Amino acid sequence: RQLPEKEREFVAAIRRVGGGGMTYYQDSVKGRFTISRDSAKNTV
């Protein structure tokens, strides 16, 4: 995410590992945001 005149900052990521995924979050969004993937729809 990015605000005007500020650097882009990391929010969350999902890394494909084997048949599943590992998820990562910025501390400020942990417990509030959830990243997920629907592989059939190629959508995160």
PDB file of all heavy atoms in Angstrom:
ATOM      1  N   ARG A   1       0.845  -1.194   0.000  1.00  0.00           N
ATOM      2  CA  ARG A   1       0.000   0.000   0.000  1.00  0.00           C
ATOM      3  C   ARG A   1       0.881   1.245   0.000  1.00  0.00           C
ATOM      4  O   ARG A   1       2.037   1.207   0.422  1.00  0.00           O
ATOM      5  CB  ARG A   1      -0.954   0.006   1.185  1.00  0.00           C
ATOM      6  CG  ARG A   1      -0.295   0.057   2.554  1.00  0.00           C
ATOM      7  CD  ARG A   1      -1.342  -0.166   3.640  1.00  0.00           C
ATOM      8  NE  ARG A   1      -0.766  -0.096   4.974  1.00  0.00           N
ATOM      9  CZ  ARG A   1      -1.431  -0.401   6.093  1.00  0.00           C
ATOM     10  NH1 ARG A   1      -2.703  -0.800   6.025  1.00  0.00           N
ATOM     11  NH2 ARG A   1      -0.838  -0.296   7.264  1.00  0.00           N
ATOM     12  N   GLN A   2       0.287   2.312  -0.479  1.00  0.00           N
ATOM     13  CA  GLN A   2       1.059   3.534  -0.628  1.00  0.00           C
ATOM     14  C   GLN A   2       0.187   4.760  -0.447  1.00  0.00           C
ATOM     15  O   GLN A   2      -0.922   4.833  -0.973  1.00  0.00           O
ATOM     16  CB  GLN A   2       1.723   3.577  -2.017  1.00  0.00           C
ATOM     17  CG  GLN A   2       2.702   4.708  -2.217  1.00  0.00           C
ATOM     18  CD  GLN A   2       3.477   4.557  -3.508  1.00  0.00           C
ATOM     19  OE1 GLN A   2       3.037   3.903  -4.457  1.00  0.00           O
ATOM     20  NE2 GLN A   2       4.663   5.159  -3.564  1.00  0.00           N
ATOM     21  N   LEU A   3       0.711   5.712   0.308  1.00  0.00           N
ATOM     22  CA  LEU A   3       0.096   7.008   0.443  1.00  0.00           C
ATOM     23  C   LEU A   3       0.877   7.994  -0.424  1.00  0.00           C
ATOM     24  O   LEU A   3       2.057   7.778  -0.706  1.00  0.00           O
ATOM     25  CB  LEU A   3       0.126   7.465   1.897  1.00  0.00           C
ATOM     26  CG  LEU A   3      -0.867   6.774   2.826  1.00  0.00           C
ATOM     27  CD1 LEU A   3      -0.590   7.121   4.265  1.00  0.00           C
ATOM     28  CD2 LEU A   3      -2.291   7.155   2.434  1.00  0.00           C
ATOM     29  N   PRO A   4       0.231   9.095  -0.839  1.00  0.00           N
ATOM     30  CA  PRO A   4       0.932  10.087  -1.653  1.00  0.00           C
ATOM     31  C   PRO A   4       2.223  10.547  -0.982  1.00  0.00           C
ATOM     32  O   PRO A   4       2.246  10.802   0.226  1.00  0.00           O
ATOM     33  CB  PRO A   4      -0.070  11.230  -1.770  1.00  0.00           C
ATOM     34  CG  PRO A   4      -1.398  10.574  -1.608  1.00  0.00           C
ATOM     35  CD  PRO A   4      -1.177   9.462  -0.626  1.00  0.00           C
ATOM     36  N   GLU A   5       3.290  10.595  -1.753  1.00  0.00           N
ATOM     37  CA  GLU A   5       4.597  11.083  -1.305  1.00  0.00           C
ATOM     38  C   GLU A   5       5.208  10.205  -0.229  1.00  0.00           C
ATOM     39  O   GLU A   5       6.132  10.636   0.463  1.00  0.00           O
ATOM     40  CB  GLU A   5       4.509  12.535  -0.835  1.00  0.00           C
ATOM     41  CG  GLU A   5       4.020  13.484  -1.918  1.00  0.00           C
ATOM     42  CD  GLU A   5       3.987  14.929  -1.464  1.00  0.00           C
ATOM     43  OE1 GLU A   5       4.392  15.198  -0.316  1.00  0.00           O
ATOM     44  OE2 GLU A   5       3.564  15.769  -2.260  1.00  0.00           O
ATOM     45  N   LYS A   6       4.725   8.985  -0.107  1.00  0.00           N
ATOM     46  CA  LYS A   6       5.324   8.039   0.834  1.00  0.00           C
ATOM     47  C   LYS A   6       5.745   6.793   0.081  1.00  0.00           C
ATOM     48  O   LYS A   6       5.248   6.487  -1.001  1.00  0.00           O
ATOM     49  CB  LYS A   6       4.345   7.686   1.956  1.00  0.00           C
ATOM     50  CG  LYS A   6       4.087   8.823   2.906  1.00  0.00           C
ATOM     51  CD  LYS A   6       3.505   8.321   4.202  1.00  0.00           C
ATOM     52  CE  LYS A   6       3.398   9.437   5.223  1.00  0.00           C
ATOM     53  NZ  LYS A   6       2.842   8.970   6.520  1.00  0.00           N
ATOM     54  N   GLU A   7       6.666   6.065   0.676  1.00  0.00           N
ATOM     55  CA  GLU A   7       7.127   4.839   0.045  1.00  0.00           C
ATOM     56  C   GLU A   7       6.059   3.758   0.123  1.00  0.00           C
ATOM     57  O   GLU A   7       5.247   3.731   1.046  1.00  0.00           O
ATOM     58  CB  GLU A   7       8.406   4.351   0.734  1.00  0.00           C
ATOM     59  CG  GLU A   7       9.617   5.216   0.433  1.00  0.00           C
ATOM     60  CD  GLU A   7      10.897   4.578   0.935  1.00  0.00           C
ATOM     61  OE1 GLU A   7      10.845   3.449   1.442  1.00  0.00           O
ATOM     62  OE2 GLU A   7      11.952   5.221   0.811  1.00  0.00           O
ATOM     63  N   ARG A   8       6.105   2.885  -0.848  1.00  0.00           N
ATOM     64  CA  ARG A   8       5.193   1.761  -0.844  1.00  0.00           C
ATOM     65  C   ARG A   8       5.589   0.826   0.294  1.00  0.00           C
ATOM     66  O   ARG A   8       6.767   0.520   0.480  1.00  0.00           O
ATOM     67  CB  ARG A   8       5.290   1.042  -2.188  1.00  0.00           C
ATOM     68  CG  ARG A   8       4.178   0.098  -2.498  1.00  0.00           C
ATOM     69  CD  ARG A   8       4.185  -0.284  -3.952  1.00  0.00           C
ATOM     70  NE  ARG A   8       3.849   0.849  -4.813  1.00  0.00           N
ATOM     71  CZ  ARG A   8       3.686   0.733  -6.132  1.00  0.00           C
ATOM     72  NH1 ARG A   8       3.839  -0.428  -6.731  1.00  0.00           N
ATOM     73  NH2 ARG A   8       3.386   1.798  -6.844  1.00  0.00           N
ATOM     74  N   GLU A   9       4.615   0.375   1.061  1.00  0.00           N
ATOM     75  CA  GLU A   9       4.925  -0.493   2.181  1.00  0.00           C
ATOM     76  C   GLU A   9       4.247  -1.848   2.051  1.00  0.00           C
ATOM     77  O   GLU A   9       3.145  -1.965   1.508  1.00  0.00           O
ATOM     78  CB  GLU A   9       4.534   0.158   3.511  1.00  0.00           C
ATOM     79  CG  GLU A   9       3.054   0.332   3.739  1.00  0.00           C
ATOM     80  CD  GLU A   9       2.731   0.794   5.163  1.00  0.00           C
ATOM     81  OE1 GLU A   9       3.662   1.140   5.918  1.00  0.00           O
ATOM     82  OE2 GLU A   9       1.539   0.795   5.509  1.00  0.00           O
ATOM     83  N   PHE A  10       4.912  -2.839   2.577  1.00  0.00           N
ATOM     84  CA  PHE A  10       4.427  -4.209   2.541  1.00  0.00           C
ATOM     85  C   PHE A  10       3.233  -4.369   3.464  1.00  0.00           C
ATOM     86  O   PHE A  10       3.212  -3.828   4.571  1.00  0.00           O
ATOM     87  CB  PHE A  10       5.560  -5.143   2.967  1.00  0.00           C
ATOM     88  CG  PHE A  10       5.142  -6.566   3.187  1.00  0.00           C
ATOM     89  CD1 PHE A  10       4.873  -7.401   2.117  1.00  0.00           C
ATOM     90  CD2 PHE A  10       5.006  -7.069   4.470  1.00  0.00           C
ATOM     91  CE1 PHE A  10       4.482  -8.712   2.315  1.00  0.00           C
ATOM     92  CE2 PHE A  10       4.627  -8.379   4.683  1.00  0.00           C
ATOM     93  CZ  PHE A  10       4.363  -9.199   3.602  1.00  0.00           C
ATOM     94  N   VAL A  11       2.247  -5.132   2.997  1.00  0.00           N
ATOM     95  CA  VAL A  11       1.078  -5.432   3.814  1.00  0.00           C
ATOM     96  C   VAL A  11       1.018  -6.927   4.121  1.00  0.00           C
ATOM     97  O   VAL A  11       0.952  -7.324   5.287  1.00  0.00           O
ATOM     98  CB  VAL A  11      -0.219  -4.984   3.115  1.00  0.00           C
ATOM     99  CG1 VAL A  11      -1.432  -5.379   3.940  1.00  0.00           C
ATOM    100  CG2 VAL A  11      -0.200  -3.485   2.851  1.00  0.00           C
ATOM    101  N   ALA A  12       1.018  -7.740   3.082  1.00  0.00           N
ATOM    102  CA  ALA A  12       0.886  -9.180   3.275  1.00  0.00           C
ATOM    103  C   ALA A  12       1.387  -9.903   2.031  1.00  0.00           C
ATOM    104  O   ALA A  12       1.442  -9.319   0.945  1.00  0.00           O
ATOM    105  CB  ALA A  12      -0.565  -9.572   3.554  1.00  0.00           C
ATOM    106  N   ALA A  13       1.732 -11.161   2.195  1.00  0.00           N
ATOM    107  CA  ALA A  13       2.152 -11.969   1.056  1.00  0.00           C
ATOM    108  C   ALA A  13       1.796 -13.423   1.308  1.00  0.00           C
ATOM    109  O   ALA A  13       1.677 -13.867   2.454  1.00  0.00           O
ATOM    110  CB  ALA A  13       3.656 -11.831   0.810  1.00  0.00           C
ATOM    111  N   ILE A  14       1.619 -14.137   0.210  1.00  0.00           N
ATOM    112  CA  ILE A  14       1.412 -15.575   0.281  1.00  0.00           C
ATOM    113  C   ILE A  14       2.393 -16.216  -0.682  1.00  0.00           C
ATOM    114  O   ILE A  14       2.480 -15.846  -1.852  1.00  0.00           O
ATOM    115  CB  ILE A  14      -0.053 -15.958  -0.036  1.00  0.00           C
ATOM    116  CG1 ILE A  14      -0.266 -17.466   0.150  1.00  0.00           C
ATOM    117  CG2 ILE A  14      -0.495 -15.490  -1.417  1.00  0.00           C
ATOM    118  CD1 ILE A  14      -1.752 -17.844   0.243  1.00  0.00           C
ATOM    119  N   ARG A  15       3.153 -17.144  -0.148  1.00  0.00           N
ATOM    120  CA  ARG A  15       4.236 -17.759  -0.906  1.00  0.00           C
ATOM    121  C   ARG A  15       3.873 -19.206  -1.138  1.00  0.00           C
ATOM    122  O   ARG A  15       3.604 -19.933  -0.183  1.00  0.00           O
ATOM    123  CB  ARG A  15       5.537 -17.635  -0.110  1.00  0.00           C
ATOM    124  CG  ARG A  15       6.797 -18.063  -0.817  1.00  0.00           C
ATOM    125  CD  ARG A  15       8.017 -17.574  -0.055  1.00  0.00           C
ATOM    126  NE  ARG A  15       8.143 -18.217   1.245  1.00  0.00           N
ATOM    127  CZ  ARG A  15       8.934 -19.259   1.495  1.00  0.00           C
ATOM    128  NH1 ARG A  15       9.659 -19.787   0.523  1.00  0.00           N
ATOM    129  NH2 ARG A  15       9.004 -19.769   2.700  1.00  0.00           N
ATOM    130  N   ARG A  16       3.882 -19.579  -2.405  1.00  0.00           N
ATOM    131  CA  ARG A  16       3.507 -20.949  -2.728  1.00  0.00           C
ATOM    132  C   ARG A  16       4.602 -21.909  -2.248  1.00  0.00           C
ATOM    133  O   ARG A  16       5.764 -21.771  -2.612  1.00  0.00           O
ATOM    134  CB  ARG A  16       3.307 -21.116  -4.237  1.00  0.00           C
ATOM    135  CG  ARG A  16       2.620 -22.424  -4.604  1.00  0.00           C
ATOM    136  CD  ARG A  16       2.611 -22.618  -6.103  1.00  0.00           C
ATOM    137  NE  ARG A  16       1.854 -21.601  -6.810  1.00  0.00           N
ATOM    138  CZ  ARG A  16       0.550 -21.659  -7.031  1.00  0.00           C
ATOM    139  NH1 ARG A  16      -0.145 -22.672  -6.594  1.00  0.00           N
ATOM    140  NH2 ARG A  16      -0.063 -20.715  -7.697  1.00  0.00           N
ATOM    141  N   VAL A  17       4.198 -22.858  -1.408  1.00  0.00           N
ATOM    142  CA  VAL A  17       5.131 -23.853  -0.887  1.00  0.00           C
ATOM    143  C   VAL A  17       4.469 -25.211  -1.041  1.00  0.00           C
ATOM    144  O   VAL A  17       3.464 -25.493  -0.379  1.00  0.00           O
ATOM    145  CB  VAL A  17       5.465 -23.592   0.597  1.00  0.00           C
ATOM    146  CG1 VAL A  17       6.391 -24.676   1.122  1.00  0.00           C
ATOM    147  CG2 VAL A  17       6.083 -22.218   0.776  1.00  0.00           C
ATOM    148  N   GLY A  18       5.027 -26.035  -1.925  1.00  0.00           N
ATOM    149  CA  GLY A  18       4.426 -27.344  -2.178  1.00  0.00           C
ATOM    150  C   GLY A  18       3.002 -27.177  -2.657  1.00  0.00           C
ATOM    151  O   GLY A  18       2.714 -26.380  -3.535  1.00  0.00           O
ATOM    152  N   GLY A  19       2.082 -27.888  -2.043  1.00  0.00           N
ATOM    153  CA  GLY A  19       0.691 -27.788  -2.447  1.00  0.00           C
ATOM    154  C   GLY A  19      -0.085 -26.713  -1.717  1.00  0.00           C
ATOM    155  O   GLY A  19      -1.272 -26.505  -1.992  1.00  0.00           O
ATOM    156  N   GLY A  20       0.581 -26.011  -0.824  1.00  0.00           N
ATOM    157  CA  GLY A  20      -0.124 -24.987  -0.064  1.00  0.00           C
ATOM    158  C   GLY A  20       0.569 -23.647  -0.151  1.00  0.00           C
ATOM    159  O   GLY A  20       1.172 -23.344  -1.175  1.00  0.00           O
ATOM    160  N   GLY A  21       0.457 -22.851   0.896  1.00  0.00           N
ATOM    161  CA  GLY A  21       1.073 -21.533   0.886  1.00  0.00           C
ATOM    162  C   GLY A  21       1.429 -21.075   2.276  1.00  0.00           C
ATOM    163  O   GLY A  21       0.746 -21.396   3.239  1.00  0.00           O
ATOM    164  N   MET A  22       2.497 -20.313   2.366  1.00  0.00           N
ATOM    165  CA  MET A  22       2.896 -19.678   3.610  1.00  0.00           C
ATOM    166  C   MET A  22       2.473 -18.212   3.528  1.00  0.00           C
ATOM    167  O   MET A  22       2.614 -17.573   2.487  1.00  0.00           O
ATOM    168  CB  MET A  22       4.408 -19.773   3.787  1.00  0.00           C
ATOM    169  CG  MET A  22       4.936 -21.188   3.964  1.00  0.00           C
ATOM    170  SD  MET A  22       4.470 -21.876   5.569  1.00  0.00           S
ATOM    171  CE  MET A  22       5.472 -20.855   6.641  1.00  0.00           C
ATOM    172  N   THR A  23       1.973 -17.682   4.644  1.00  0.00           N
ATOM    173  CA  THR A  23       1.508 -16.302   4.647  1.00  0.00           C
ATOM    174  C   THR A  23       2.367 -15.434   5.563  1.00  0.00           C
ATOM    175  O   THR A  23       2.920 -15.920   6.552  1.00  0.00           O
ATOM    176  CB  THR A  23       0.040 -16.219   5.085  1.00  0.00           C
ATOM    177  OG1 THR A  23      -0.094 -16.795   6.387  1.00  0.00           O
ATOM    178  CG2 THR A  23      -0.864 -16.970   4.113  1.00  0.00           C
ATOM    179  N   TYR A  24       2.446 -14.166   5.216  1.00  0.00           N
ATOM    180  CA  TYR A  24       3.279 -13.205   5.941  1.00  0.00           C
ATOM    181  C   TYR A  24       2.509 -11.892   6.033  1.00  0.00           C
ATOM    182  O   TYR A  24       1.822 -11.513   5.091  1.00  0.00           O
ATOM    183  CB  TYR A  24       4.600 -12.986   5.191  1.00  0.00           C
ATOM    184  CG  TYR A  24       5.312 -14.270   4.867  1.00  0.00           C
ATOM    185  CD1 TYR A  24       5.000 -14.989   3.722  1.00  0.00           C
ATOM    186  CD2 TYR A  24       6.276 -14.784   5.728  1.00  0.00           C
ATOM    187  CE1 TYR A  24       5.631 -16.190   3.431  1.00  0.00           C
ATOM    188  CE2 TYR A  24       6.915 -15.983   5.439  1.00  0.00           C
ATOM    189  CZ  TYR A  24       6.580 -16.674   4.294  1.00  0.00           C
ATOM    190  OH  TYR A  24       7.198 -17.866   4.007  1.00  0.00           O
ATOM    191  N   TYR A  25       2.667 -11.198   7.159  1.00  0.00           N
ATOM    192  CA  TYR A  25       1.929  -9.967   7.383  1.00  0.00           C
ATOM    193  C   TYR A  25       2.818  -8.906   8.017  1.00  0.00           C
ATOM    194  O   TYR A  25       3.708  -9.207   8.817  1.00  0.00           O
ATOM    195  CB  TYR A  25       0.737 -10.218   8.305  1.00  0.00           C
ATOM    196  CG  TYR A  25      -0.264 -11.195   7.755  1.00  0.00           C
ATOM    197  CD1 TYR A  25      -0.206 -12.546   8.084  1.00  0.00           C
ATOM    198  CD2 TYR A  25      -1.279 -10.764   6.903  1.00  0.00           C
ATOM    199  CE1 TYR A  25      -1.117 -13.452   7.569  1.00  0.00           C
ATOM    200  CE2 TYR A  25      -2.203 -11.665   6.390  1.00  0.00           C
ATOM    201  CZ  TYR A  25      -2.108 -13.006   6.728  1.00  0.00           C
ATOM    202  OH  TYR A  25      -3.012 -13.899   6.221  1.00  0.00           O
ATOM    203  N   GLN A  26       2.500  -7.678   7.676  1.00  0.00           N
ATOM    204  CA  GLN A  26       3.085  -6.555   8.414  1.00  0.00           C
ATOM    205  C   GLN A  26       2.494  -6.584   9.817  1.00  0.00           C
ATOM    206  O   GLN A  26       1.322  -6.932   9.997  1.00  0.00           O
ATOM    207  CB  GLN A  26       2.716  -5.245   7.716  1.00  0.00           C
ATOM    208  CG  GLN A  26       3.320  -4.011   8.341  1.00  0.00           C
ATOM    209  CD  GLN A  26       2.572  -2.745   7.938  1.00  0.00           C
ATOM    210  OE1 GLN A  26       1.820  -2.209   8.737  1.00  0.00           O
ATOM    211  NE2 GLN A  26       2.779  -2.254   6.733  1.00  0.00           N
ATOM    212  N   ASP A  27       3.286  -6.210  10.794  1.00  0.00           N
ATOM    213  CA  ASP A  27       2.824  -6.303  12.183  1.00  0.00           C
ATOM    214  C   ASP A  27       1.527  -5.545  12.427  1.00  0.00           C
ATOM    215  O   ASP A  27       0.668  -5.996  13.189  1.00  0.00           O
ATOM    216  CB  ASP A  27       3.911  -5.766  13.124  1.00  0.00           C
ATOM    217  CG  ASP A  27       5.076  -6.736  13.274  1.00  0.00           C
ATOM    218  OD1 ASP A  27       4.932  -7.915  12.878  1.00  0.00           O
ATOM    219  OD2 ASP A  27       6.122  -6.316  13.777  1.00  0.00           O
ATOM    220  N   SER A  28       1.348  -4.407  11.788  1.00  0.00           N
ATOM    221  CA  SER A  28       0.178  -3.573  12.081  1.00  0.00           C
ATOM    222  C   SER A  28      -1.122  -4.170  11.566  1.00  0.00           C
ATOM    223  O   SER A  28      -2.205  -3.713  11.950  1.00  0.00           O
ATOM    224  CB  SER A  28       0.369  -2.178  11.485  1.00  0.00           C
ATOM    225  OG  SER A  28       0.314  -2.220  10.068  1.00  0.00           O
ATOM    226  N   VAL A  29      -1.054  -5.168  10.708  1.00  0.00           N
ATOM    227  CA  VAL A  29      -2.284  -5.759  10.169  1.00  0.00           C
ATOM    228  C   VAL A  29      -2.506  -7.180  10.659  1.00  0.00           C
ATOM    229  O   VAL A  29      -3.548  -7.777  10.362  1.00  0.00           O
ATOM    230  CB  VAL A  29      -2.296  -5.730   8.624  1.00  0.00           C
ATOM    231  CG1 VAL A  29      -2.020  -4.320   8.112  1.00  0.00           C
ATOM    232  CG2 VAL A  29      -1.326  -6.729   8.025  1.00  0.00           C
ATOM    233  N   LYS A  30      -1.565  -7.722  11.399  1.00  0.00           N
ATOM    234  CA  LYS A  30      -1.730  -9.087  11.913  1.00  0.00           C
ATOM    235  C   LYS A  30      -2.966  -9.185  12.770  1.00  0.00           C
ATOM    236  O   LYS A  30      -3.239  -8.332  13.611  1.00  0.00           O
ATOM    237  CB  LYS A  30      -0.505  -9.495  12.729  1.00  0.00           C
ATOM    238  CG  LYS A  30       0.702  -9.880  11.900  1.00  0.00           C
ATOM    239  CD  LYS A  30       1.874 -10.287  12.781  1.00  0.00           C
ATOM    240  CE  LYS A  30       3.093 -10.626  11.955  1.00  0.00           C
ATOM    241  NZ  LYS A  30       4.265 -10.945  12.799  1.00  0.00           N
ATOM    242  N   GLY A  31      -3.732 -10.237  12.543  1.00  0.00           N
ATOM    243  CA  GLY A  31      -4.963 -10.434  13.298  1.00  0.00           C
ATOM    244  C   GLY A  31      -6.159  -9.713  12.712  1.00  0.00           C
ATOM    245  O   GLY A  31      -7.301  -9.980  13.103  1.00  0.00           O
ATOM    246  N   ARG A  32      -5.924  -8.800  11.779  1.00  0.00           N
ATOM    247  CA  ARG A  32      -7.022  -8.068  11.140  1.00  0.00           C
ATOM    248  C   ARG A  32      -7.160  -8.414   9.656  1.00  0.00           C
ATOM    249  O   ARG A  32      -8.263  -8.448   9.131  1.00  0.00           O
ATOM    250  CB  ARG A  32      -6.807  -6.555  11.280  1.00  0.00           C
ATOM    251  CG  ARG A  32      -6.727  -6.072  12.705  1.00  0.00           C
ATOM    252  CD  ARG A  32      -6.731  -4.540  12.772  1.00  0.00           C
ATOM    253  NE  ARG A  32      -5.580  -3.940  12.118  1.00  0.00           N
ATOM    254  CZ  ARG A  32      -5.654  -3.058  11.129  1.00  0.00           C
ATOM    255  NH1 ARG A  32      -6.831  -2.679  10.672  1.00  0.00           N
ATOM    256  NH2 ARG A  32      -4.549  -2.540  10.603  1.00  0.00           N
ATOM    257  N   PHE A  33      -6.039  -8.638   8.996  1.00  0.00           N
ATOM    258  CA  PHE A  33      -6.041  -8.941   7.567  1.00  0.00           C
ATOM    259  C   PHE A  33      -5.710 -10.408   7.353  1.00  0.00           C
ATOM    260  O   PHE A  33      -4.909 -10.990   8.082  1.00  0.00           O
ATOM    261  CB  PHE A  33      -5.001  -8.095   6.831  1.00  0.00           C
ATOM    262  CG  PHE A  33      -5.294  -6.619   6.758  1.00  0.00           C
ATOM    263  CD1 PHE A  33      -6.312  -6.036   7.481  1.00  0.00           C
ATOM    264  CD2 PHE A  33      -4.536  -5.803   5.931  1.00  0.00           C
ATOM    265  CE1 PHE A  33      -6.582  -4.683   7.410  1.00  0.00           C
ATOM    266  CE2 PHE A  33      -4.778  -4.441   5.833  1.00  0.00           C
ATOM    267  CZ  PHE A  33      -5.810  -3.885   6.595  1.00  0.00           C
ATOM    268  N   THR A  34      -6.295 -10.979   6.303  1.00  0.00           N
ATOM    269  CA  THR A  34      -6.000 -12.364   5.930  1.00  0.00           C
ATOM    270  C   THR A  34      -5.798 -12.443   4.432  1.00  0.00           C
ATOM    271  O   THR A  34      -6.671 -12.015   3.664  1.00  0.00           O
ATOM    272  CB  THR A  34      -7.140 -13.301   6.346  1.00  0.00           C
ATOM    273  OG1 THR A  34      -7.368 -13.199   7.749  1.00  0.00           O
ATOM    274  CG2 THR A  34      -6.779 -14.749   6.003  1.00  0.00           C
ATOM    275  N   ILE A  35      -4.673 -12.987   4.021  1.00  0.00           N
ATOM    276  CA  ILE A  35      -4.406 -13.190   2.609  1.00  0.00           C
ATOM    277  C   ILE A  35      -4.664 -14.653   2.277  1.00  0.00           C
ATOM    278  O   ILE A  35      -4.340 -15.552   3.068  1.00  0.00           O
ATOM    279  CB  ILE A  35      -2.963 -12.775   2.237  1.00  0.00           C
ATOM    280  CG1 ILE A  35      -2.765 -12.786   0.715  1.00  0.00           C
ATOM    281  CG2 ILE A  35      -1.932 -13.642   2.936  1.00  0.00           C
ATOM    282  CD1 ILE A  35      -1.444 -12.164   0.263  1.00  0.00           C
ATOM    283  N   SER A  36      -5.279 -14.878   1.124  1.00  0.00           N
ATOM    284  CA  SER A  36      -5.587 -16.251   0.725  1.00  0.00           C
ATOM    285  C   SER A  36      -5.548 -16.349  -0.788  1.00  0.00           C
ATOM    286  O   SER A  36      -5.560 -15.342  -1.493  1.00  0.00           O
ATOM    287  CB  SER A  36      -6.965 -16.681   1.249  1.00  0.00           C
ATOM    288  OG  SER A  36      -7.982 -15.853   0.714  1.00  0.00           O
ATOM    289  N   ARG A  37      -5.492 -17.582  -1.246  1.00  0.00           N
ATOM    290  CA  ARG A  37      -5.404 -17.811  -2.693  1.00  0.00           C
ATOM    291  C   ARG A  37      -6.459 -18.809  -3.139  1.00  0.00           C
ATOM    292  O   ARG A  37      -6.681 -19.823  -2.473  1.00  0.00           O
ATOM    293  CB  ARG A  37      -4.015 -18.358  -3.042  1.00  0.00           C
ATOM    294  CG  ARG A  37      -3.748 -18.550  -4.520  1.00  0.00           C
ATOM    295  CD  ARG A  37      -2.583 -19.528  -4.769  1.00  0.00           C
ATOM    296  NE  ARG A  37      -1.399 -19.238  -3.991  1.00  0.00           N
ATOM    297  CZ  ARG A  37      -0.449 -18.399  -4.372  1.00  0.00           C
ATOM    298  NH1 ARG A  37      -0.558 -17.749  -5.518  1.00  0.00           N
ATOM    299  NH2 ARG A  37       0.622 -18.217  -3.616  1.00  0.00           N
ATOM    300  N   ASP A  38      -7.085 -18.536  -4.275  1.00  0.00           N
ATOM    301  CA  ASP A  38      -7.959 -19.503  -4.941  1.00  0.00           C
ATOM    302  C   ASP A  38      -7.251 -19.878  -6.235  1.00  0.00           C
ATOM    303  O   ASP A  38      -7.318 -19.142  -7.229  1.00  0.00           O
ATOM    304  CB  ASP A  38      -9.325 -18.884  -5.216  1.00  0.00           C
ATOM    305  CG  ASP A  38     -10.304 -19.881  -5.815  1.00  0.00           C
ATOM    306  OD1 ASP A  38      -9.856 -20.855  -6.473  1.00  0.00           O
ATOM    307  OD2 ASP A  38     -11.515 -19.689  -5.646  1.00  0.00           O
ATOM    308  N   SER A  39      -6.561 -21.003  -6.218  1.00  0.00           N
ATOM    309  CA  SER A  39      -5.754 -21.386  -7.381  1.00  0.00           C
ATOM    310  C   SER A  39      -6.602 -21.641  -8.615  1.00  0.00           C
ATOM    311  O   SER A  39      -6.188 -21.352  -9.737  1.00  0.00           O
ATOM    312  CB  SER A  39      -4.932 -22.634  -7.053  1.00  0.00           C
ATOM    313  OG  SER A  39      -3.995 -22.356  -6.027  1.00  0.00           O
ATOM    314  N   ALA A  40      -7.803 -22.167  -8.419  1.00  0.00           N
ATOM    315  CA  ALA A  40      -8.675 -22.452  -9.560  1.00  0.00           C
ATOM    316  C   ALA A  40      -9.049 -21.183 -10.309  1.00  0.00           C
ATOM    317  O   ALA A  40      -9.226 -21.181 -11.527  1.00  0.00           O
ATOM    318  CB  ALA A  40      -9.919 -23.175  -9.082  1.00  0.00           C
ATOM    319  N   LYS A  41      -9.158 -20.086  -9.556  1.00  0.00           N
ATOM    320  CA  LYS A  41      -9.514 -18.803 -10.162  1.00  0.00           C
ATOM    321  C   LYS A  41      -8.295 -17.931 -10.420  1.00  0.00           C
ATOM    322  O   LYS A  41      -8.435 -16.809 -10.923  1.00  0.00           O
ATOM    323  CB  LYS A  41     -10.497 -18.055  -9.260  1.00  0.00           C
ATOM    324  CG  LYS A  41     -11.830 -18.743  -9.094  1.00  0.00           C
ATOM    325  CD  LYS A  41     -12.767 -17.914  -8.233  1.00  0.00           C
ATOM    326  CE  LYS A  41     -14.128 -18.592  -8.098  1.00  0.00           C
ATOM    327  NZ  LYS A  41     -15.060 -17.820  -7.264  1.00  0.00           N
ATOM    328  N   ASN A  42      -7.118 -18.418 -10.053  1.00  0.00           N
ATOM    329  CA  ASN A  42      -5.885 -17.637 -10.199  1.00  0.00           C
ATOM    330  C   ASN A  42      -6.030 -16.264  -9.551  1.00  0.00           C
ATOM    331  O   ASN A  42      -5.620 -15.228 -10.112  1.00  0.00           O
ATOM    332  CB  ASN A  42      -5.525 -17.490 -11.674  1.00  0.00           C
ATOM    333  CG  ASN A  42      -4.062 -17.794 -11.933  1.00  0.00           C
ATOM    334  OD1 ASN A  42      -3.362 -18.304 -11.071  1.00  0.00           O
ATOM    335  ND2 ASN A  42      -3.603 -17.481 -13.130  1.00  0.00           N
ATOM    336  N   THR A  43      -6.610 -16.270  -8.378  1.00  0.00           N
ATOM    337  CA  THR A  43      -6.919 -15.016  -7.681  1.00  0.00           C
ATOM    338  C   THR A  43      -6.426 -15.085  -6.241  1.00  0.00           C
ATOM    339  O   THR A  43      -6.550 -16.122  -5.586  1.00  0.00           O
ATOM    340  CB  THR A  43      -8.432 -14.750  -7.695  1.00  0.00           C
ATOM    341  OG1 THR A  43      -8.869 -14.637  -9.057  1.00  0.00           O
ATOM    342  CG2 THR A  43      -8.769 -13.457  -6.949  1.00  0.00           C
ATOM    343  N   VAL A  44      -5.875 -13.977  -5.792  1.00  0.00           N
ATOM    344  CA  VAL A  44      -5.462 -13.842  -4.397  1.00  0.00           C
ATOM    345  C   VAL A  44      -6.335 -12.769  -3.754  1.00  0.00           C
ATOM    346  O   VAL A  44      -6.616 -11.728  -4.369  1.00  0.00           O
ATOM    347  CB  VAL A  44      -3.969 -13.464  -4.296  1.00  0.00           C
ATOM    348  CG1 VAL A  44      -3.598 -13.070  -2.886  1.00  0.00           C
ATOM    349  CG2 VAL A  44      -3.105 -14.637  -4.757  1.00  0.00           C
TER     350      VAL A  44
END
